[in-house]
Amino acid sequence: MVSMYYFGETANHFIEWLSLRTGLKTWLDKIDSGWLGFFFTLGSLILWLVMIQFYFSLFKYLFLIVGSPLFAYLSEKTEAILEGKEHHLSIAQLFKDIERGIRIAGRNCLWQTVYCIAILFGCAIPIVGMVAPILALLVECFYYGFSMLDYSMERQNKSATVSINFIVNHKGLAIGNGIVFYSMHCIPVLGWVLAPAYAVVAATLSMHPLKNK
């Protein structure tokens, strides 16, 4: 929360510097148009929201990487309960899951960054830019759900390429998982702790019926 506060302040200064550097603020002051001033303020707010979302997503990816051992264990344990089997911790499999989880989280973070930069440029387009925060949120939720679903794909010995193709073809499943994961962060402290655990268990539950197909 402290880092979010300071990043928000930095984003404000960056937007102000950008408007001065491009001469946009000086031009608006000369024209003295209320409507143009309103759209400029709205555009600045949208840009600020997208930047905050992007920073928040980077922070959560760091958490996903650090917590990958726990998430891999939770996914294995959930599947064992569903199949009525006794769970035997396999260190070799756990390390494989951790390594795969870190690689997938890093890949998703990279691609989300590319899309978010494109969305940031889209903020400059009138009217179209108004949906930028929603689009950025959906992209973010898709990649969070992706990270959680991949633990099940790894356990079925599916390659990263097969996992990517499957999840891309089931975007709704990934986005749905990611949206609830994201929404739980609105609950202070408790939501922050439980959101990742919920997401990985829910992902395992949703993938299990597809295991034998």
N, C-alpha and C. Protein backbone atom coordinates (compact mmCIF):
# COMPACT_ATOMS: atom_id res chain seq x y z
N MET A 1 0.83 -1.21 0.00
CA MET A 1 0.00 0.00 0.00
C MET A 1 0.87 1.26 0.00
N VAL A 2 1.97 1.19 0.76
CA VAL A 2 2.89 2.34 0.80
C VAL A 2 3.52 2.56 -0.58
N SER A 3 3.96 1.45 -1.20
CA SER A 3 4.58 1.57 -2.52
C SER A 3 3.56 2.05 -3.56
N MET A 4 2.29 1.59 -3.44
CA MET A 4 1.24 2.05 -4.34
C MET A 4 1.02 3.54 -4.21
N TYR A 5 1.06 4.04 -2.97
CA TYR A 5 0.86 5.47 -2.73
C TYR A 5 1.94 6.29 -3.43
N TYR A 6 3.20 5.87 -3.23
CA TYR A 6 4.31 6.63 -3.82
C TYR A 6 4.33 6.48 -5.35
N PHE A 7 3.94 5.31 -5.85
CA PHE A 7 3.88 5.17 -7.30
C PHE A 7 2.78 6.05 -7.88
N GLY A 8 1.65 6.16 -7.15
CA GLY A 8 0.57 7.04 -7.59
C GLY A 8 1.02 8.48 -7.68
N GLU A 9 1.79 8.92 -6.68
CA GLU A 9 2.33 10.28 -6.70
C GLU A 9 3.29 10.47 -7.87
N THR A 10 4.13 9.47 -8.09
CA THR A 10 5.08 9.53 -9.21
C THR A 10 4.34 9.59 -10.55
N ALA A 11 3.25 8.80 -10.67
CA ALA A 11 2.45 8.80 -11.90
C ALA A 11 1.85 10.18 -12.14
N ASN A 12 1.39 10.83 -11.07
CA ASN A 12 0.84 12.19 -11.19
C ASN A 12 1.89 13.16 -11.73
N HIS A 13 3.09 13.10 -11.18
CA HIS A 13 4.17 13.98 -11.62
C HIS A 13 4.56 13.69 -13.07
N PHE A 14 4.54 12.39 -13.44
CA PHE A 14 4.89 12.02 -14.81
C PHE A 14 3.87 12.57 -15.80
N ILE A 15 2.59 12.46 -15.48
CA ILE A 15 1.54 12.97 -16.37
C ILE A 15 1.64 14.48 -16.50
N GLU A 16 1.91 15.16 -15.37
CA GLU A 16 2.08 16.62 -15.41
C GLU A 16 3.29 17.00 -16.27
N TRP A 17 4.42 16.28 -16.09
CA TRP A 17 5.62 16.55 -16.88
C TRP A 17 5.36 16.31 -18.37
N LEU A 18 4.61 15.23 -18.67
CA LEU A 18 4.31 14.90 -20.06
C LEU A 18 3.47 15.99 -20.73
N SER A 19 2.48 16.49 -19.99
CA SER A 19 1.61 17.53 -20.55
C SER A 19 2.37 18.84 -20.78
N LEU A 20 3.33 19.13 -19.91
CA LEU A 20 4.14 20.34 -20.07
C LEU A 20 5.17 20.15 -21.19
N ARG A 21 5.78 18.97 -21.24
CA ARG A 21 6.81 18.70 -22.24
C ARG A 21 6.25 18.73 -23.66
N THR A 22 5.04 18.20 -23.83
CA THR A 22 4.42 18.18 -25.15
C THR A 22 3.77 19.51 -25.52
N GLY A 23 3.65 20.42 -24.53
CA GLY A 23 3.03 21.71 -24.79
C GLY A 23 1.52 21.66 -24.75
N LEU A 24 0.96 20.50 -24.39
CA LEU A 24 -0.49 20.33 -24.38
C LEU A 24 -1.16 21.23 -23.35
N LYS A 25 -0.58 21.32 -22.16
CA LYS A 25 -1.18 22.15 -21.10
C LYS A 25 -1.17 23.63 -21.49
N THR A 26 -0.05 24.09 -22.08
CA THR A 26 0.05 25.49 -22.52
C THR A 26 -0.99 25.79 -23.59
N TRP A 27 -1.16 24.83 -24.51
CA TRP A 27 -2.14 25.00 -25.59
C TRP A 27 -3.56 25.07 -25.04
N LEU A 28 -3.87 24.21 -24.07
CA LEU A 28 -5.20 24.21 -23.47
C LEU A 28 -5.47 25.50 -22.70
N ASP A 29 -4.42 26.01 -22.02
CA ASP A 29 -4.58 27.27 -21.28
C ASP A 29 -4.88 28.43 -22.22
N LYS A 30 -4.26 28.41 -23.40
CA LYS A 30 -4.49 29.48 -24.38
C LYS A 30 -5.91 29.43 -24.94
N ILE A 31 -6.36 28.21 -25.23
CA ILE A 31 -7.70 28.05 -25.81
C ILE A 31 -8.78 28.35 -24.78
N ASP A 32 -8.51 27.95 -23.52
CA ASP A 32 -9.45 28.18 -22.42
C ASP A 32 -10.84 27.60 -22.74
N SER A 33 -10.84 26.33 -23.14
CA SER A 33 -12.10 25.64 -23.44
C SER A 33 -12.44 24.69 -22.31
N GLY A 34 -13.64 24.85 -21.77
CA GLY A 34 -14.07 23.98 -20.68
C GLY A 34 -14.18 22.53 -21.09
N TRP A 35 -14.72 22.27 -22.31
CA TRP A 35 -14.88 20.90 -22.79
C TRP A 35 -13.54 20.22 -23.02
N LEU A 36 -12.60 20.94 -23.66
CA LEU A 36 -11.28 20.36 -23.89
C LEU A 36 -10.56 20.10 -22.57
N GLY A 37 -10.73 21.03 -21.61
CA GLY A 37 -10.15 20.84 -20.28
C GLY A 37 -10.70 19.61 -19.59
N PHE A 38 -12.02 19.40 -19.78
CA PHE A 38 -12.68 18.22 -19.18
C PHE A 38 -12.11 16.93 -19.77
N PHE A 39 -11.99 16.88 -21.12
CA PHE A 39 -11.48 15.68 -21.77
C PHE A 39 -10.01 15.44 -21.42
N PHE A 40 -9.25 16.51 -21.25
CA PHE A 40 -7.85 16.38 -20.85
C PHE A 40 -7.75 15.78 -19.44
N THR A 41 -8.59 16.27 -18.54
CA THR A 41 -8.60 15.74 -17.17
C THR A 41 -9.03 14.28 -17.15
N LEU A 42 -10.06 13.95 -17.96
CA LEU A 42 -10.53 12.58 -18.04
C LEU A 42 -9.44 11.66 -18.61
N GLY A 43 -8.78 12.13 -19.67
CA GLY A 43 -7.70 11.36 -20.27
C GLY A 43 -6.55 11.13 -19.30
N SER A 44 -6.23 12.16 -18.49
CA SER A 44 -5.17 12.04 -17.49
C SER A 44 -5.54 11.01 -16.44
N LEU A 45 -6.82 11.01 -16.04
CA LEU A 45 -7.29 10.05 -15.04
C LEU A 45 -7.21 8.61 -15.58
N ILE A 46 -7.61 8.42 -16.84
CA ILE A 46 -7.56 7.09 -17.45
C ILE A 46 -6.12 6.61 -17.54
N LEU A 47 -5.21 7.50 -17.96
CA LEU A 47 -3.79 7.15 -18.05
C LEU A 47 -3.24 6.77 -16.67
N TRP A 48 -3.64 7.51 -15.65
CA TRP A 48 -3.19 7.24 -14.28
C TRP A 48 -3.69 5.87 -13.82
N LEU A 49 -4.96 5.55 -14.11
CA LEU A 49 -5.53 4.26 -13.71
C LEU A 49 -4.81 3.10 -14.37
N VAL A 50 -4.51 3.23 -15.67
CA VAL A 50 -3.81 2.17 -16.39
C VAL A 50 -2.41 1.96 -15.82
N MET A 51 -1.72 3.07 -15.50
CA MET A 51 -0.38 2.97 -14.92
C MET A 51 -0.42 2.29 -13.56
N ILE A 52 -1.42 2.64 -12.73
CA ILE A 52 -1.56 2.02 -11.41
C ILE A 52 -1.84 0.52 -11.55
N GLN A 53 -2.74 0.17 -12.49
CA GLN A 53 -3.04 -1.25 -12.73
C GLN A 53 -1.78 -2.00 -13.14
N PHE A 54 -0.99 -1.39 -14.00
CA PHE A 54 0.23 -2.03 -14.49
C PHE A 54 1.21 -2.26 -13.33
N TYR A 55 1.39 -1.26 -12.48
CA TYR A 55 2.30 -1.41 -11.35
C TYR A 55 1.79 -2.49 -10.40
N PHE A 56 0.48 -2.49 -10.13
CA PHE A 56 -0.12 -3.47 -9.22
C PHE A 56 0.09 -4.88 -9.76
N SER A 57 -0.02 -5.03 -11.10
CA SER A 57 0.16 -6.35 -11.70
C SER A 57 1.61 -6.83 -11.55
N LEU A 58 2.58 -5.93 -11.70
CA LEU A 58 3.98 -6.31 -11.52
C LEU A 58 4.24 -6.78 -10.09
N PHE A 59 3.62 -6.10 -9.12
CA PHE A 59 3.77 -6.47 -7.72
C PHE A 59 3.20 -7.86 -7.47
N LYS A 60 2.04 -8.16 -8.07
CA LYS A 60 1.41 -9.46 -7.87
C LYS A 60 2.20 -10.58 -8.56
N TYR A 61 2.82 -10.27 -9.69
CA TYR A 61 3.66 -11.28 -10.33
C TYR A 61 4.84 -11.65 -9.45
N LEU A 62 5.41 -10.67 -8.79
CA LEU A 62 6.50 -10.94 -7.85
C LEU A 62 6.01 -11.89 -6.76
N PHE A 63 4.79 -11.66 -6.28
CA PHE A 63 4.21 -12.51 -5.25
C PHE A 63 3.96 -13.91 -5.79
N LEU A 64 3.52 -14.02 -7.05
CA LEU A 64 3.28 -15.34 -7.66
C LEU A 64 4.57 -16.13 -7.78
N ILE A 65 5.67 -15.44 -8.12
CA ILE A 65 6.96 -16.12 -8.25
C ILE A 65 7.47 -16.58 -6.89
N VAL A 66 7.40 -15.70 -5.90
CA VAL A 66 7.87 -16.04 -4.55
C VAL A 66 7.03 -17.16 -3.94
N GLY A 67 5.72 -17.14 -4.21
CA GLY A 67 4.82 -18.13 -3.62
C GLY A 67 4.65 -19.39 -4.43
N SER A 68 5.40 -19.56 -5.52
CA SER A 68 5.21 -20.72 -6.40
C SER A 68 5.36 -22.07 -5.69
N PRO A 69 6.27 -22.23 -4.70
CA PRO A 69 6.32 -23.53 -4.00
C PRO A 69 5.01 -23.88 -3.30
N LEU A 70 4.39 -22.90 -2.65
CA LEU A 70 3.13 -23.13 -1.95
C LEU A 70 2.01 -23.42 -2.95
N PHE A 71 1.96 -22.67 -4.06
CA PHE A 71 0.89 -22.86 -5.04
C PHE A 71 1.00 -24.22 -5.71
N ALA A 72 2.23 -24.65 -6.00
CA ALA A 72 2.43 -25.97 -6.60
C ALA A 72 1.96 -27.07 -5.65
N TYR A 73 2.28 -26.92 -4.35
CA TYR A 73 1.86 -27.91 -3.35
C TYR A 73 0.34 -27.93 -3.22
N LEU A 74 -0.29 -26.76 -3.18
CA LEU A 74 -1.75 -26.68 -3.05
C LEU A 74 -2.45 -27.35 -4.23
N SER A 75 -1.92 -27.14 -5.43
CA SER A 75 -2.51 -27.74 -6.63
C SER A 75 -2.41 -29.26 -6.57
N GLU A 76 -1.25 -29.79 -6.18
CA GLU A 76 -1.06 -31.24 -6.05
C GLU A 76 -1.99 -31.82 -4.99
N LYS A 77 -2.08 -31.15 -3.86
CA LYS A 77 -2.90 -31.62 -2.74
C LYS A 77 -4.38 -31.64 -3.12
N THR A 78 -4.83 -30.60 -3.82
CA THR A 78 -6.23 -30.51 -4.24
C THR A 78 -6.58 -31.67 -5.19
N GLU A 79 -5.69 -31.94 -6.14
CA GLU A 79 -5.94 -33.03 -7.09
C GLU A 79 -5.97 -34.38 -6.38
N ALA A 80 -5.10 -34.57 -5.40
CA ALA A 80 -5.08 -35.83 -4.65
C ALA A 80 -6.39 -36.03 -3.90
N ILE A 81 -6.94 -34.96 -3.32
CA ILE A 81 -8.22 -35.04 -2.60
C ILE A 81 -9.35 -35.38 -3.57
N LEU A 82 -9.35 -34.75 -4.75
CA LEU A 82 -10.40 -35.00 -5.75
C LEU A 82 -10.39 -36.45 -6.21
N GLU A 83 -9.22 -37.04 -6.32
CA GLU A 83 -9.10 -38.41 -6.81
C GLU A 83 -9.11 -39.44 -5.69
N GLY A 84 -9.26 -38.97 -4.45
CA GLY A 84 -9.32 -39.87 -3.31
C GLY A 84 -8.03 -40.60 -3.05
N LYS A 85 -6.93 -39.98 -3.40
CA LYS A 85 -5.62 -40.61 -3.20
C LYS A 85 -4.89 -39.96 -2.04
N GLU A 86 -3.98 -40.73 -1.46
CA GLU A 86 -3.13 -40.15 -0.43
C GLU A 86 -2.04 -39.33 -1.11
N HIS A 87 -1.86 -38.13 -0.62
CA HIS A 87 -0.89 -37.23 -1.26
C HIS A 87 0.52 -37.52 -0.75
N HIS A 88 1.39 -37.90 -1.66
CA HIS A 88 2.80 -38.10 -1.32
C HIS A 88 3.61 -36.99 -1.96
N LEU A 89 4.26 -36.24 -1.14
CA LEU A 89 5.03 -35.11 -1.65
C LEU A 89 6.24 -35.60 -2.43
N SER A 90 6.27 -35.23 -3.70
CA SER A 90 7.41 -35.57 -4.56
C SER A 90 8.27 -34.32 -4.72
N ILE A 91 9.44 -34.34 -4.15
CA ILE A 91 10.33 -33.18 -4.24
C ILE A 91 10.69 -32.87 -5.68
N ALA A 92 10.95 -33.93 -6.47
CA ALA A 92 11.32 -33.74 -7.87
C ALA A 92 10.20 -33.05 -8.64
N GLN A 93 8.94 -33.55 -8.44
CA GLN A 93 7.79 -32.96 -9.12
C GLN A 93 7.54 -31.54 -8.62
N LEU A 94 7.72 -31.32 -7.32
CA LEU A 94 7.51 -30.00 -6.75
C LEU A 94 8.47 -28.98 -7.36
N PHE A 95 9.73 -29.37 -7.50
CA PHE A 95 10.71 -28.46 -8.08
C PHE A 95 10.42 -28.21 -9.56
N LYS A 96 9.91 -29.24 -10.26
CA LYS A 96 9.52 -29.05 -11.65
C LYS A 96 8.37 -28.05 -11.75
N ASP A 97 7.38 -28.19 -10.83
CA ASP A 97 6.24 -27.27 -10.81
C ASP A 97 6.69 -25.85 -10.49
N ILE A 98 7.62 -25.71 -9.55
CA ILE A 98 8.11 -24.38 -9.16
C ILE A 98 8.83 -23.72 -10.34
N GLU A 99 9.73 -24.51 -10.98
CA GLU A 99 10.50 -23.96 -12.10
C GLU A 99 9.56 -23.56 -13.24
N ARG A 100 8.56 -24.41 -13.52
CA ARG A 100 7.60 -24.10 -14.59
C ARG A 100 6.76 -22.88 -14.20
N GLY A 101 6.33 -22.81 -12.93
CA GLY A 101 5.52 -21.68 -12.47
C GLY A 101 6.26 -20.36 -12.61
N ILE A 102 7.55 -20.34 -12.27
CA ILE A 102 8.35 -19.12 -12.37
C ILE A 102 8.51 -18.71 -13.84
N ARG A 103 8.76 -19.71 -14.72
CA ARG A 103 8.93 -19.40 -16.15
C ARG A 103 7.64 -18.85 -16.76
N ILE A 104 6.51 -19.47 -16.40
CA ILE A 104 5.22 -19.03 -16.94
C ILE A 104 4.88 -17.63 -16.42
N ALA A 105 5.12 -17.40 -15.12
CA ALA A 105 4.85 -16.07 -14.54
C ALA A 105 5.70 -15.00 -15.21
N GLY A 106 6.97 -15.33 -15.46
CA GLY A 106 7.85 -14.38 -16.13
C GLY A 106 7.39 -14.10 -17.55
N ARG A 107 7.00 -15.17 -18.27
CA ARG A 107 6.50 -15.00 -19.64
C ARG A 107 5.24 -14.15 -19.66
N ASN A 108 4.30 -14.47 -18.76
CA ASN A 108 3.05 -13.72 -18.71
C ASN A 108 3.27 -12.26 -18.36
N CYS A 109 4.20 -12.02 -17.44
CA CYS A 109 4.52 -10.64 -17.05
C CYS A 109 5.05 -9.87 -18.26
N LEU A 110 5.91 -10.52 -19.06
CA LEU A 110 6.48 -9.88 -20.24
C LEU A 110 5.40 -9.53 -21.26
N TRP A 111 4.54 -10.51 -21.57
CA TRP A 111 3.50 -10.26 -22.57
C TRP A 111 2.48 -9.25 -22.07
N GLN A 112 2.15 -9.31 -20.79
CA GLN A 112 1.20 -8.32 -20.25
C GLN A 112 1.80 -6.92 -20.33
N THR A 113 3.10 -6.80 -20.11
CA THR A 113 3.77 -5.51 -20.22
C THR A 113 3.65 -4.96 -21.64
N VAL A 114 3.85 -5.85 -22.64
CA VAL A 114 3.73 -5.44 -24.04
C VAL A 114 2.32 -4.92 -24.33
N TYR A 115 1.31 -5.67 -23.87
CA TYR A 115 -0.07 -5.26 -24.11
C TYR A 115 -0.43 -3.97 -23.35
N CYS A 116 0.08 -3.84 -22.14
CA CYS A 116 -0.22 -2.64 -21.34
C CYS A 116 0.40 -1.40 -21.97
N ILE A 117 1.60 -1.53 -22.54
CA ILE A 117 2.23 -0.39 -23.22
C ILE A 117 1.38 0.02 -24.42
N ALA A 118 0.87 -0.99 -25.15
CA ALA A 118 -0.01 -0.69 -26.29
C ALA A 118 -1.28 0.00 -25.82
N ILE A 119 -1.82 -0.45 -24.68
CA ILE A 119 -3.04 0.15 -24.13
C ILE A 119 -2.76 1.57 -23.66
N LEU A 120 -1.56 1.81 -23.11
CA LEU A 120 -1.18 3.17 -22.69
C LEU A 120 -1.21 4.13 -23.87
N PHE A 121 -0.70 3.68 -25.01
CA PHE A 121 -0.76 4.52 -26.22
C PHE A 121 -2.21 4.71 -26.65
N GLY A 122 -3.03 3.67 -26.44
CA GLY A 122 -4.44 3.76 -26.80
C GLY A 122 -5.21 4.78 -25.98
N CYS A 123 -4.67 5.12 -24.81
CA CYS A 123 -5.33 6.12 -23.95
C CYS A 123 -5.42 7.48 -24.65
N ALA A 124 -4.54 7.71 -25.62
CA ALA A 124 -4.51 9.01 -26.32
C ALA A 124 -5.61 9.14 -27.36
N ILE A 125 -6.26 8.01 -27.69
CA ILE A 125 -7.33 8.04 -28.71
C ILE A 125 -8.64 8.45 -28.04
N PRO A 126 -9.27 9.52 -28.49
CA PRO A 126 -10.53 9.97 -27.89
C PRO A 126 -11.59 8.88 -27.90
N ILE A 127 -12.39 8.82 -26.87
CA ILE A 127 -13.50 7.88 -26.67
C ILE A 127 -12.98 6.44 -26.54
N VAL A 128 -12.21 5.95 -27.53
CA VAL A 128 -11.67 4.60 -27.46
C VAL A 128 -10.82 4.43 -26.21
N GLY A 129 -10.07 5.49 -25.86
CA GLY A 129 -9.21 5.44 -24.69
C GLY A 129 -9.97 5.28 -23.38
N MET A 130 -11.28 5.57 -23.39
CA MET A 130 -12.07 5.46 -22.15
C MET A 130 -12.22 4.01 -21.69
N VAL A 131 -12.12 3.05 -22.62
CA VAL A 131 -12.26 1.64 -22.23
C VAL A 131 -10.90 1.03 -21.89
N ALA A 132 -9.83 1.84 -21.96
CA ALA A 132 -8.48 1.32 -21.72
C ALA A 132 -8.33 0.65 -20.36
N PRO A 133 -8.82 1.26 -19.24
CA PRO A 133 -8.67 0.59 -17.94
C PRO A 133 -9.36 -0.77 -17.88
N ILE A 134 -10.54 -0.88 -18.51
CA ILE A 134 -11.27 -2.15 -18.51
C ILE A 134 -10.50 -3.19 -19.32
N LEU A 135 -9.98 -2.77 -20.47
CA LEU A 135 -9.20 -3.68 -21.32
C LEU A 135 -7.93 -4.13 -20.59
N ALA A 136 -7.26 -3.20 -19.91
CA ALA A 136 -6.05 -3.55 -19.15
C ALA A 136 -6.37 -4.54 -18.04
N LEU A 137 -7.54 -4.36 -17.39
CA LEU A 137 -7.95 -5.26 -16.31
C LEU A 137 -8.21 -6.67 -16.84
N LEU A 138 -8.88 -6.78 -17.99
CA LEU A 138 -9.17 -8.09 -18.57
C LEU A 138 -7.89 -8.82 -18.98
N VAL A 139 -6.95 -8.07 -19.56
CA VAL A 139 -5.66 -8.66 -19.94
C VAL A 139 -4.94 -9.17 -18.69
N GLU A 140 -4.97 -8.36 -17.64
CA GLU A 140 -4.31 -8.73 -16.38
C GLU A 140 -4.94 -9.99 -15.78
N CYS A 141 -6.27 -10.03 -15.75
CA CYS A 141 -6.97 -11.18 -15.18
C CYS A 141 -6.71 -12.44 -15.99
N PHE A 142 -6.63 -12.31 -17.31
CA PHE A 142 -6.35 -13.47 -18.16
C PHE A 142 -4.99 -14.08 -17.81
N TYR A 143 -3.99 -13.25 -17.65
CA TYR A 143 -2.65 -13.78 -17.38
C TYR A 143 -2.51 -14.31 -15.95
N TYR A 144 -3.27 -13.75 -14.99
CA TYR A 144 -3.26 -14.33 -13.64
C TYR A 144 -3.87 -15.72 -13.67
N GLY A 145 -5.05 -15.83 -14.32
CA GLY A 145 -5.69 -17.14 -14.43
C GLY A 145 -4.82 -18.13 -15.17
N PHE A 146 -4.12 -17.66 -16.18
CA PHE A 146 -3.19 -18.48 -16.96
C PHE A 146 -2.16 -19.12 -16.02
N SER A 147 -1.55 -18.30 -15.16
CA SER A 147 -0.51 -18.80 -14.25
C SER A 147 -1.05 -19.90 -13.35
N MET A 148 -2.28 -19.75 -12.88
CA MET A 148 -2.86 -20.72 -11.96
C MET A 148 -3.25 -22.02 -12.68
N LEU A 149 -3.80 -21.90 -13.88
CA LEU A 149 -4.22 -23.09 -14.64
C LEU A 149 -3.03 -23.93 -15.09
N ASP A 150 -1.90 -23.29 -15.28
CA ASP A 150 -0.74 -24.01 -15.83
C ASP A 150 -0.19 -25.05 -14.86
N TYR A 151 -0.41 -24.90 -13.54
CA TYR A 151 0.08 -25.90 -12.59
C TYR A 151 -0.53 -27.27 -12.91
N SER A 152 -1.83 -27.28 -13.28
CA SER A 152 -2.49 -28.54 -13.62
C SER A 152 -1.95 -29.10 -14.93
N MET A 153 -1.68 -28.22 -15.89
CA MET A 153 -1.14 -28.68 -17.18
C MET A 153 0.25 -29.30 -17.01
N GLU A 154 1.05 -28.72 -16.13
CA GLU A 154 2.40 -29.24 -15.88
C GLU A 154 2.32 -30.64 -15.29
N ARG A 155 1.38 -30.86 -14.37
CA ARG A 155 1.26 -32.17 -13.73
C ARG A 155 0.80 -33.24 -14.71
N GLN A 156 0.12 -32.84 -15.77
CA GLN A 156 -0.30 -33.79 -16.81
C GLN A 156 0.77 -33.94 -17.90
N ASN A 157 1.97 -33.42 -17.59
CA ASN A 157 3.12 -33.52 -18.51
C ASN A 157 2.87 -32.86 -19.86
N LYS A 158 2.07 -31.78 -19.84
CA LYS A 158 1.84 -31.02 -21.06
C LYS A 158 2.95 -29.98 -21.20
N SER A 159 3.44 -29.83 -22.41
CA SER A 159 4.48 -28.83 -22.64
C SER A 159 3.91 -27.43 -22.50
N ALA A 160 4.81 -26.45 -22.37
CA ALA A 160 4.37 -25.05 -22.25
C ALA A 160 3.58 -24.63 -23.48
N THR A 161 3.99 -25.11 -24.66
CA THR A 161 3.29 -24.76 -25.90
C THR A 161 1.86 -25.29 -25.90
N VAL A 162 1.69 -26.56 -25.48
CA VAL A 162 0.35 -27.16 -25.41
C VAL A 162 -0.50 -26.40 -24.39
N SER A 163 0.11 -26.07 -23.25
CA SER A 163 -0.61 -25.33 -22.20
C SER A 163 -1.07 -23.98 -22.70
N ILE A 164 -0.19 -23.28 -23.40
CA ILE A 164 -0.54 -21.95 -23.94
C ILE A 164 -1.70 -22.06 -24.92
N ASN A 165 -1.63 -23.03 -25.83
CA ASN A 165 -2.69 -23.21 -26.83
C ASN A 165 -4.02 -23.54 -26.16
N PHE A 166 -3.98 -24.43 -25.16
CA PHE A 166 -5.22 -24.82 -24.47
C PHE A 166 -5.85 -23.62 -23.76
N ILE A 167 -5.04 -22.87 -23.01
CA ILE A 167 -5.58 -21.77 -22.21
C ILE A 167 -6.04 -20.62 -23.10
N VAL A 168 -5.33 -20.38 -24.20
CA VAL A 168 -5.77 -19.35 -25.16
C VAL A 168 -7.14 -19.71 -25.74
N ASN A 169 -7.38 -21.02 -25.95
CA ASN A 169 -8.67 -21.48 -26.46
C ASN A 169 -9.75 -21.53 -25.38
N HIS A 170 -9.36 -21.33 -24.13
CA HIS A 170 -10.32 -21.30 -23.02
C HIS A 170 -10.11 -20.01 -22.22
N LYS A 171 -10.16 -18.89 -22.95
CA LYS A 171 -9.89 -17.58 -22.33
C LYS A 171 -10.86 -17.29 -21.19
N GLY A 172 -12.13 -17.68 -21.36
CA GLY A 172 -13.14 -17.39 -20.34
C GLY A 172 -12.79 -18.02 -19.01
N LEU A 173 -12.24 -19.24 -19.05
CA LEU A 173 -11.85 -19.94 -17.83
C LEU A 173 -10.73 -19.19 -17.12
N ALA A 174 -9.73 -18.74 -17.89
CA ALA A 174 -8.60 -18.01 -17.30
C ALA A 174 -9.05 -16.65 -16.77
N ILE A 175 -9.86 -15.93 -17.55
CA ILE A 175 -10.33 -14.59 -17.13
C ILE A 175 -11.22 -14.70 -15.90
N GLY A 176 -12.10 -15.71 -15.88
CA GLY A 176 -12.99 -15.88 -14.72
C GLY A 176 -12.21 -16.14 -13.45
N ASN A 177 -11.19 -16.99 -13.54
CA ASN A 177 -10.35 -17.26 -12.37
C ASN A 177 -9.61 -15.98 -11.95
N GLY A 178 -9.08 -15.27 -12.94
CA GLY A 178 -8.31 -14.06 -12.64
C GLY A 178 -9.15 -12.94 -12.05
N ILE A 179 -10.42 -12.81 -12.52
CA ILE A 179 -11.29 -11.74 -12.02
C ILE A 179 -11.58 -11.91 -10.54
N VAL A 180 -11.90 -13.14 -10.13
CA VAL A 180 -12.18 -13.38 -8.70
C VAL A 180 -10.90 -13.19 -7.88
N PHE A 181 -9.78 -13.67 -8.42
CA PHE A 181 -8.48 -13.47 -7.76
C PHE A 181 -8.22 -11.98 -7.56
N TYR A 182 -8.47 -11.20 -8.60
CA TYR A 182 -8.24 -9.76 -8.54
C TYR A 182 -9.22 -9.10 -7.56
N SER A 183 -10.50 -9.50 -7.62
CA SER A 183 -11.54 -8.90 -6.78
C SER A 183 -11.28 -9.14 -5.29
N MET A 184 -10.72 -10.30 -4.95
CA MET A 184 -10.47 -10.62 -3.55
C MET A 184 -9.44 -9.68 -2.92
N HIS A 185 -8.62 -9.03 -3.77
CA HIS A 185 -7.65 -8.07 -3.24
C HIS A 185 -8.31 -6.81 -2.70
N CYS A 186 -9.62 -6.65 -2.97
CA CYS A 186 -10.36 -5.50 -2.41
C CYS A 186 -10.61 -5.69 -0.92
N ILE A 187 -10.49 -6.93 -0.43
CA ILE A 187 -10.66 -7.19 1.00
C ILE A 187 -9.31 -7.02 1.68
N PRO A 188 -9.16 -6.01 2.54
CA PRO A 188 -7.84 -5.75 3.15
C PRO A 188 -7.32 -6.96 3.93
N VAL A 189 -6.05 -7.20 3.83
CA VAL A 189 -5.29 -8.22 4.55
C VAL A 189 -5.79 -9.64 4.26
N LEU A 190 -7.03 -9.97 4.67
CA LEU A 190 -7.55 -11.32 4.50
C LEU A 190 -7.61 -11.70 3.02
N GLY A 191 -8.13 -10.80 2.21
CA GLY A 191 -8.22 -11.06 0.77
C GLY A 191 -6.85 -11.21 0.14
N TRP A 192 -5.90 -10.40 0.57
CA TRP A 192 -4.54 -10.46 0.01
C TRP A 192 -3.90 -11.82 0.29
N VAL A 193 -4.20 -12.37 1.48
CA VAL A 193 -3.61 -13.65 1.88
C VAL A 193 -4.31 -14.82 1.18
N LEU A 194 -5.64 -14.76 1.10
CA LEU A 194 -6.41 -15.89 0.60
C LEU A 194 -6.55 -15.93 -0.91
N ALA A 195 -6.43 -14.79 -1.58
CA ALA A 195 -6.67 -14.73 -3.04
C ALA A 195 -5.82 -15.72 -3.83
N PRO A 196 -4.50 -15.79 -3.62
CA PRO A 196 -3.70 -16.74 -4.41
C PRO A 196 -4.07 -18.19 -4.12
N ALA A 197 -4.31 -18.51 -2.83
CA ALA A 197 -4.68 -19.88 -2.46
C ALA A 197 -6.01 -20.26 -3.11
N TYR A 198 -6.97 -19.33 -3.05
CA TYR A 198 -8.27 -19.59 -3.70
C TYR A 198 -8.08 -19.85 -5.19
N ALA A 199 -7.30 -18.99 -5.83
CA ALA A 199 -7.15 -19.06 -7.29
C ALA A 199 -6.55 -20.39 -7.75
N VAL A 200 -5.52 -20.87 -7.03
CA VAL A 200 -4.87 -22.11 -7.47
C VAL A 200 -5.76 -23.32 -7.20
N VAL A 201 -6.51 -23.31 -6.09
CA VAL A 201 -7.44 -24.41 -5.81
C VAL A 201 -8.58 -24.40 -6.82
N ALA A 202 -9.13 -23.21 -7.10
CA ALA A 202 -10.22 -23.10 -8.08
C ALA A 202 -9.77 -23.53 -9.47
N ALA A 203 -8.54 -23.18 -9.82
CA ALA A 203 -8.01 -23.57 -11.14
C ALA A 203 -7.89 -25.09 -11.23
N THR A 204 -7.42 -25.72 -10.15
CA THR A 204 -7.28 -27.19 -10.15
C THR A 204 -8.64 -27.86 -10.24
N LEU A 205 -9.63 -27.33 -9.53
CA LEU A 205 -10.99 -27.87 -9.58
C LEU A 205 -11.58 -27.76 -10.97
N SER A 206 -11.36 -26.65 -11.63
CA SER A 206 -11.95 -26.42 -12.96
C SER A 206 -11.25 -27.24 -14.03
N MET A 207 -9.98 -27.55 -13.83
CA MET A 207 -9.22 -28.32 -14.82
C MET A 207 -9.41 -29.83 -14.66
N HIS A 208 -9.76 -30.27 -13.46
CA HIS A 208 -9.83 -31.71 -13.18
C HIS A 208 -10.82 -32.46 -14.08
N PRO A 209 -12.03 -31.92 -14.34
CA PRO A 209 -12.96 -32.65 -15.23
C PRO A 209 -12.41 -32.83 -16.65
N LEU A 210 -11.46 -32.00 -17.05
CA LEU A 210 -10.90 -32.07 -18.40
C LEU A 210 -9.71 -33.02 -18.47
N LYS A 211 -9.29 -33.55 -17.32
CA LYS A 211 -8.05 -34.32 -17.28
C LYS A 211 -8.10 -35.56 -18.17
N ASN A 212 -9.25 -36.25 -18.18
CA ASN A 212 -9.34 -37.51 -18.91
C ASN A 212 -9.85 -37.33 -20.35
N LYS A 213 -10.07 -36.08 -20.76
CA LYS A 213 -10.54 -35.82 -22.12
C LYS A 213 -9.38 -35.71 -23.08
